[in-house]
C-alpha atoms as a PDB file:
ATOM      1  CA  MET A   1      67.350 -53.277 -25.404  1.00  0.00           C
ATOM      2  CA  THR A   2      67.991 -53.128 -29.103  1.00  0.00           C
ATOM      3  CA  VAL A   3      65.029 -53.800 -31.294  1.00  0.00           C
ATOM      4  CA  LYS A   4      65.751 -56.327 -34.086  1.00  0.00           C
ATOM      5  CA  THR A   5      63.964 -55.635 -37.344  1.00  0.00           C
ATOM      6  CA  ASP A   6      64.582 -58.972 -39.018  1.00  0.00           C
ATOM      7  CA  LEU A   7      61.007 -60.257 -38.710  1.00  0.00           C
ATOM      8  CA  LYS A   8      59.238 -61.848 -41.642  1.00  0.00           C
ATOM      9  CA  PHE A   9      55.417 -61.895 -41.901  1.00  0.00           C
ATOM     10  CA  ARG A  10      53.384 -64.354 -43.902  1.00  0.00           C
ATOM     11  CA  PRO A  11      49.874 -65.719 -43.802  1.00  0.00           C
ATOM     12  CA  ALA A  12      49.630 -68.928 -41.806  1.00  0.00           C
ATOM     13  CA  GLY A  13      48.530 -72.144 -43.417  1.00  0.00           C
ATOM     14  CA  GLU A  14      47.411 -75.623 -42.321  1.00  0.00           C
ATOM     15  CA  PRO A  15      51.003 -76.894 -41.779  1.00  0.00           C
ATOM     16  CA  ASP A  16      51.503 -74.114 -39.216  1.00  0.00           C
ATOM     17  CA  VAL A  17      48.530 -75.071 -36.994  1.00  0.00           C
ATOM     18  CA  PRO A  18      50.455 -77.207 -34.377  1.00  0.00           C
ATOM     19  CA  ALA A  19      53.162 -74.622 -33.904  1.00  0.00           C
ATOM     20  CA  LEU A  20      50.629 -71.779 -33.672  1.00  0.00           C
ATOM     21  CA  VAL A  21      48.622 -73.604 -31.055  1.00  0.00           C
ATOM     22  CA  ALA A  22      51.782 -74.232 -29.049  1.00  0.00           C
ATOM     23  CA  LEU A  23      52.884 -70.572 -29.405  1.00  0.00           C
ATOM     24  CA  VAL A  24      49.506 -69.169 -28.317  1.00  0.00           C
ATOM     25  CA  GLU A  25      49.263 -71.548 -25.330  1.00  0.00           C
ATOM     26  CA  SER A  26      52.815 -70.737 -24.208  1.00  0.00           C
ATOM     27  CA  ALA A  27      52.176 -67.002 -24.313  1.00  0.00           C
ATOM     28  CA  TYR A  28      48.782 -66.963 -22.497  1.00  0.00           C
ATOM     29  CA  ARG A  29      48.491 -69.914 -20.110  1.00  0.00           C
ATOM     30  CA  GLY A  30      50.367 -71.936 -17.564  1.00  0.00           C
ATOM     31  CA  ASP A  31      53.836 -71.532 -16.087  1.00  0.00           C
ATOM     32  CA  ALA A  32      55.505 -71.157 -19.518  1.00  0.00           C
ATOM     33  CA  SER A  33      53.642 -67.871 -19.992  1.00  0.00           C
ATOM     34  CA  ARG A  34      55.135 -66.376 -16.816  1.00  0.00           C
ATOM     35  CA  ALA A  35      58.511 -66.130 -18.628  1.00  0.00           C
ATOM     36  CA  GLY A  36      57.131 -63.058 -20.419  1.00  0.00           C
ATOM     37  CA  TRP A  37      55.850 -59.798 -19.041  1.00  0.00           C
ATOM     38  CA  THR A  38      52.201 -60.528 -19.871  1.00  0.00           C
ATOM     39  CA  THR A  39      50.138 -63.629 -19.077  1.00  0.00           C
ATOM     40  CA  GLU A  40      46.514 -64.640 -18.367  1.00  0.00           C
ATOM     41  CA  ALA A  41      47.758 -67.486 -16.025  1.00  0.00           C
ATOM     42  CA  ASP A  42      46.439 -65.657 -12.931  1.00  0.00           C
ATOM     43  CA  LEU A  43      43.039 -65.102 -14.552  1.00  0.00           C
ATOM     44  CA  LEU A  44      42.392 -68.268 -16.499  1.00  0.00           C
ATOM     45  CA  ASP A  45      43.344 -72.001 -16.480  1.00  0.00           C
ATOM     46  CA  GLY A  46      42.755 -74.411 -19.298  1.00  0.00           C
ATOM     47  CA  GLN A  47      43.317 -73.756 -23.008  1.00  0.00           C
ATOM     48  CA  ARG A  48      43.478 -70.424 -24.936  1.00  0.00           C
ATOM     49  CA  THR A  49      42.905 -72.091 -28.241  1.00  0.00           C
ATOM     50  CA  ASP A  50      43.000 -75.418 -30.031  1.00  0.00           C
ATOM     51  CA  PRO A  51      43.731 -76.673 -33.562  1.00  0.00           C
ATOM     52  CA  GLU A  52      40.100 -76.293 -34.686  1.00  0.00           C
ATOM     53  CA  GLY A  53      40.069 -72.691 -33.470  1.00  0.00           C
ATOM     54  CA  VAL A  54      43.285 -71.809 -35.269  1.00  0.00           C
ATOM     55  CA  ARG A  55      42.095 -73.592 -38.503  1.00  0.00           C
ATOM     56  CA  ALA A  56      38.831 -71.574 -38.332  1.00  0.00           C
ATOM     57  CA  VAL A  57      40.794 -68.372 -38.164  1.00  0.00           C
ATOM     58  CA  ILE A  58      43.024 -69.341 -41.070  1.00  0.00           C
ATOM     59  CA  THR A  59      40.208 -70.366 -43.366  1.00  0.00           C
ATOM     60  CA  ALA A  60      37.497 -67.821 -42.565  1.00  0.00           C
ATOM     61  CA  PRO A  61      36.719 -65.285 -45.312  1.00  0.00           C
ATOM     62  CA  GLY A  62      38.083 -61.825 -44.581  1.00  0.00           C
ATOM     63  CA  SER A  63      40.434 -63.334 -41.889  1.00  0.00           C
ATOM     64  CA  GLN A  64      44.198 -63.844 -41.800  1.00  0.00           C
ATOM     65  CA  LEU A  65      46.456 -65.286 -39.247  1.00  0.00           C
ATOM     66  CA  LEU A  66      49.886 -63.820 -39.647  1.00  0.00           C
ATOM     67  CA  ALA A  67      52.853 -66.036 -38.782  1.00  0.00           C
ATOM     68  CA  VAL A  68      55.856 -63.937 -37.687  1.00  0.00           C
ATOM     69  CA  LEU A  69      59.246 -65.543 -38.250  1.00  0.00           C
ATOM     70  CA  ARG A  70      62.821 -64.798 -37.362  1.00  0.00           C
ATOM     71  CA  ASP A  71      65.361 -66.957 -39.116  1.00  0.00           C
ATOM     72  CA  ASP A  72      62.512 -69.383 -40.172  1.00  0.00           C
ATOM     73  CA  ASP A  73      61.540 -69.772 -36.417  1.00  0.00           C
ATOM     74  CA  LEU A  74      57.922 -68.882 -35.423  1.00  0.00           C
ATOM     75  CA  VAL A  75      58.232 -66.144 -32.787  1.00  0.00           C
ATOM     76  CA  ALA A  76      54.836 -64.432 -32.863  1.00  0.00           C
ATOM     77  CA  CYS A  77      51.452 -64.393 -34.562  1.00  0.00           C
ATOM     78  CA  CYS A  78      48.297 -62.294 -34.737  1.00  0.00           C
ATOM     79  CA  HIS A  79      44.802 -62.610 -36.167  1.00  0.00           C
ATOM     80  CA  LEU A  80      43.537 -59.974 -38.507  1.00  0.00           C
ATOM     81  CA  GLU A  81      39.919 -59.782 -39.594  1.00  0.00           C
ATOM     82  CA  ARG A  82      38.123 -57.330 -41.888  1.00  0.00           C
ATOM     83  CA  ARG A  83      34.938 -55.988 -40.392  1.00  0.00           C
ATOM     84  CA  VAL A  84      32.468 -53.478 -41.751  1.00  0.00           C
ATOM     85  CA  ASP A  85      30.026 -51.839 -39.361  1.00  0.00           C
ATOM     86  CA  PRO A  86      26.495 -50.748 -40.277  1.00  0.00           C
ATOM     87  CA  SER A  87      27.681 -47.253 -41.241  1.00  0.00           C
ATOM     88  CA  GLY A  88      30.094 -48.741 -43.792  1.00  0.00           C
ATOM     89  CA  LEU A  89      33.257 -48.010 -41.820  1.00  0.00           C
ATOM     90  CA  VAL A  90      35.880 -50.644 -42.536  1.00  0.00           C
ATOM     91  CA  ALA A  91      37.820 -51.711 -39.442  1.00  0.00           C
ATOM     92  CA  GLY A  92      40.487 -54.286 -38.756  1.00  0.00           C
ATOM     93  CA  TYR A  93      40.045 -56.600 -35.822  1.00  0.00           C
ATOM     94  CA  PHE A  94      43.214 -57.647 -34.006  1.00  0.00           C
ATOM     95  CA  GLY A  95      43.320 -60.766 -31.910  1.00  0.00           C
ATOM     96  CA  MET A  96      45.105 -64.057 -31.051  1.00  0.00           C
ATOM     97  CA  PHE A  97      48.252 -61.902 -30.530  1.00  0.00           C
ATOM     98  CA  ALA A  98      51.108 -64.003 -29.129  1.00  0.00           C
ATOM     99  CA  VAL A  99      54.840 -63.373 -28.778  1.00  0.00           C
ATOM    100  CA  ARG A 100      57.088 -66.118 -27.507  1.00  0.00           C
ATOM    101  CA  PRO A 101      57.421 -65.427 -23.753  1.00  0.00           C
ATOM    102  CA  GLY A 102      61.233 -65.256 -23.774  1.00  0.00           C
ATOM    103  CA  LEU A 103      61.118 -62.548 -26.452  1.00  0.00           C
ATOM    104  CA  GLN A 104      58.461 -60.383 -24.847  1.00  0.00           C
ATOM    105  CA  GLY A 105      59.748 -56.924 -23.878  1.00  0.00           C
ATOM    106  CA  GLY A 106      62.278 -56.860 -26.750  1.00  0.00           C
ATOM    107  CA  GLY A 107      60.245 -54.957 -29.333  1.00  0.00           C
ATOM    108  CA  VAL A 108      58.744 -57.898 -31.281  1.00  0.00           C
ATOM    109  CA  GLY A 109      55.196 -57.067 -30.150  1.00  0.00           C
ATOM    110  CA  ARG A 110      55.533 -53.448 -31.140  1.00  0.00           C
ATOM    111  CA  GLN A 111      56.725 -54.531 -34.629  1.00  0.00           C
ATOM    112  CA  VAL A 112      53.890 -57.056 -35.022  1.00  0.00           C
ATOM    113  CA  LEU A 113      51.241 -54.510 -33.983  1.00  0.00           C
ATOM    114  CA  ALA A 114      52.653 -51.867 -36.308  1.00  0.00           C
ATOM    115  CA  GLU A 115      52.741 -54.285 -39.257  1.00  0.00           C
ATOM    116  CA  ALA A 116      49.190 -55.415 -38.458  1.00  0.00           C
ATOM    117  CA  GLU A 117      47.965 -51.788 -38.488  1.00  0.00           C
ATOM    118  CA  ARG A 118      49.816 -51.055 -41.749  1.00  0.00           C
ATOM    119  CA  ARG A 119      48.361 -54.157 -43.451  1.00  0.00           C
ATOM    120  CA  VAL A 120      44.731 -53.632 -42.519  1.00  0.00           C
ATOM    121  CA  ALA A 121      44.949 -49.946 -43.687  1.00  0.00           C
ATOM    122  CA  ALA A 122      46.835 -50.706 -46.935  1.00  0.00           C
ATOM    123  CA  GLU A 123      45.118 -53.958 -47.983  1.00  0.00           C
ATOM    124  CA  TRP A 124      41.577 -53.421 -46.653  1.00  0.00           C
ATOM    125  CA  GLY A 125      41.296 -49.679 -46.421  1.00  0.00           C
ATOM    126  CA  ALA A 126      40.586 -49.954 -42.708  1.00  0.00           C
ATOM    127  CA  ARG A 127      40.076 -46.661 -40.944  1.00  0.00           C
ATOM    128  CA  GLU A 128      40.485 -48.109 -37.433  1.00  0.00           C
ATOM    129  CA  MET A 129      41.768 -51.112 -35.577  1.00  0.00           C
ATOM    130  CA  ARG A 130      39.672 -52.751 -32.893  1.00  0.00           C
ATOM    131  CA  MET A 131      40.412 -55.424 -30.291  1.00  0.00           C
ATOM    132  CA  ARG A 132      38.899 -56.932 -27.246  1.00  0.00           C
ATOM    133  CA  VAL A 133      41.055 -57.289 -24.164  1.00  0.00           C
ATOM    134  CA  ILE A 134      40.172 -58.809 -20.741  1.00  0.00           C
ATOM    135  CA  SER A 135      39.369 -55.698 -18.794  1.00  0.00           C
ATOM    136  CA  ALA A 136      41.348 -56.947 -15.751  1.00  0.00           C
ATOM    137  CA  ARG A 137      44.568 -56.920 -17.659  1.00  0.00           C
ATOM    138  CA  ASP A 138      45.545 -53.403 -16.714  1.00  0.00           C
ATOM    139  CA  GLU A 139      49.206 -53.687 -17.617  1.00  0.00           C
ATOM    140  CA  LEU A 140      48.417 -55.004 -21.094  1.00  0.00           C
ATOM    141  CA  ILE A 141      45.785 -52.308 -21.666  1.00  0.00           C
ATOM    142  CA  ALA A 142      48.306 -49.652 -20.613  1.00  0.00           C
ATOM    143  CA  TRP A 143      50.720 -51.070 -23.232  1.00  0.00           C
ATOM    144  CA  TYR A 144      48.070 -50.708 -25.906  1.00  0.00           C
ATOM    145  CA  GLU A 145      47.251 -47.162 -24.733  1.00  0.00           C
ATOM    146  CA  ARG A 146      50.874 -46.192 -25.155  1.00  0.00           C
ATOM    147  CA  ARG A 147      50.488 -47.314 -28.760  1.00  0.00           C
ATOM    148  CA  GLY A 148      47.449 -45.071 -29.366  1.00  0.00           C
ATOM    149  CA  TYR A 149      44.560 -47.308 -28.459  1.00  0.00           C
ATOM    150  CA  THR A 150      41.618 -45.926 -26.477  1.00  0.00           C
ATOM    151  CA  ARG A 151      39.485 -47.729 -23.950  1.00  0.00           C
ATOM    152  CA  THR A 152      35.832 -47.452 -25.001  1.00  0.00           C
ATOM    153  CA  GLY A 153      34.248 -48.678 -21.754  1.00  0.00           C
ATOM    154  CA  ARG A 154      32.144 -51.039 -23.943  1.00  0.00           C
ATOM    155  CA  LEU A 155      32.274 -54.405 -22.248  1.00  0.00           C
ATOM    156  CA  ALA A 156      31.286 -57.856 -23.473  1.00  0.00           C
ATOM    157  CA  PRO A 157      30.839 -60.770 -21.062  1.00  0.00           C
ATOM    158  CA  PHE A 158      33.420 -63.484 -20.737  1.00  0.00           C
ATOM    159  CA  PRO A 159      32.043 -66.801 -22.056  1.00  0.00           C
ATOM    160  CA  TYR A 160      31.830 -68.463 -18.628  1.00  0.00           C
ATOM    161  CA  GLY A 161      31.057 -72.226 -19.004  1.00  0.00           C
ATOM    162  CA  ASP A 162      32.699 -72.596 -22.437  1.00  0.00           C
ATOM    163  CA  GLU A 163      36.029 -74.158 -21.687  1.00  0.00           C
ATOM    164  CA  ARG A 164      37.220 -73.603 -25.246  1.00  0.00           C
ATOM    165  CA  PHE A 165      38.170 -70.141 -24.012  1.00  0.00           C
ATOM    166  CA  GLY A 166      39.611 -71.179 -20.647  1.00  0.00           C
ATOM    167  CA  VAL A 167      38.531 -71.849 -17.118  1.00  0.00           C
ATOM    168  CA  PRO A 168      38.084 -68.587 -15.206  1.00  0.00           C
ATOM    169  CA  ARG A 169      39.816 -68.234 -11.880  1.00  0.00           C
ATOM    170  CA  ARG A 170      37.621 -65.270 -10.823  1.00  0.00           C
ATOM    171  CA  PRO A 171      34.055 -64.261 -11.384  1.00  0.00           C
ATOM    172  CA  ASP A 172      34.458 -60.699 -12.760  1.00  0.00           C
ATOM    173  CA  LEU A 173      36.010 -61.235 -16.202  1.00  0.00           C
ATOM    174  CA  ALA A 174      34.797 -59.221 -19.231  1.00  0.00           C
ATOM    175  CA  PHE A 175      36.232 -58.043 -22.489  1.00  0.00           C
ATOM    176  CA  GLU A 176      36.637 -54.397 -23.209  1.00  0.00           C
ATOM    177  CA  LEU A 177      36.748 -52.941 -26.729  1.00  0.00           C
ATOM    178  CA  LEU A 178      39.881 -50.915 -27.491  1.00  0.00           C
ATOM    179  CA  VAL A 179      40.015 -48.722 -30.646  1.00  0.00           C
ATOM    180  CA  LYS A 180      42.663 -46.842 -32.623  1.00  0.00           C
ATOM    181  CA  ALA A 181      42.046 -44.593 -35.609  1.00  0.00           C
ATOM    182  CA  LEU A 182      44.368 -45.490 -38.580  1.00  0.00           C
ATOM    183  CA  PRO A 183      45.891 -42.999 -40.990  1.00  0.00           C
END
């Protein structure tokens, strides 16, 4: 499949909130998400995010939600956050990554991830990118590993009982930290 390179990236704003919520929900949950190659529909029911959650990401200091457009049509998004650990290392945090399900597998995700890595290194001086992925998502973790990410084995519990993050369909969910050194 030919990879199109006509994507435009811009910081999301308040007017984008409804479209971003719809995009994220379609990429992660329910039957719509099954049109793509990656979904959480077998692991979680309920919502992935809501307007308040998206607004919080857009307005938080050191945080940016990138809207990714093709011909003025929202096709993807990702959350970038500047983090500094106790040793002073600046890292980018990558999350709320969504690609419209019908476009998954066509190179959009690779382009978004590469642009996210470029931005956090160039704009924030980040030396690494970090993310948390549900550890049961083997196929997705393998995709990140092919892009240079390393599993750390460091797990954080899934927030069972907090339906803002979804309703688990199994009792063994946890987040694993993945890390990639940036040039």
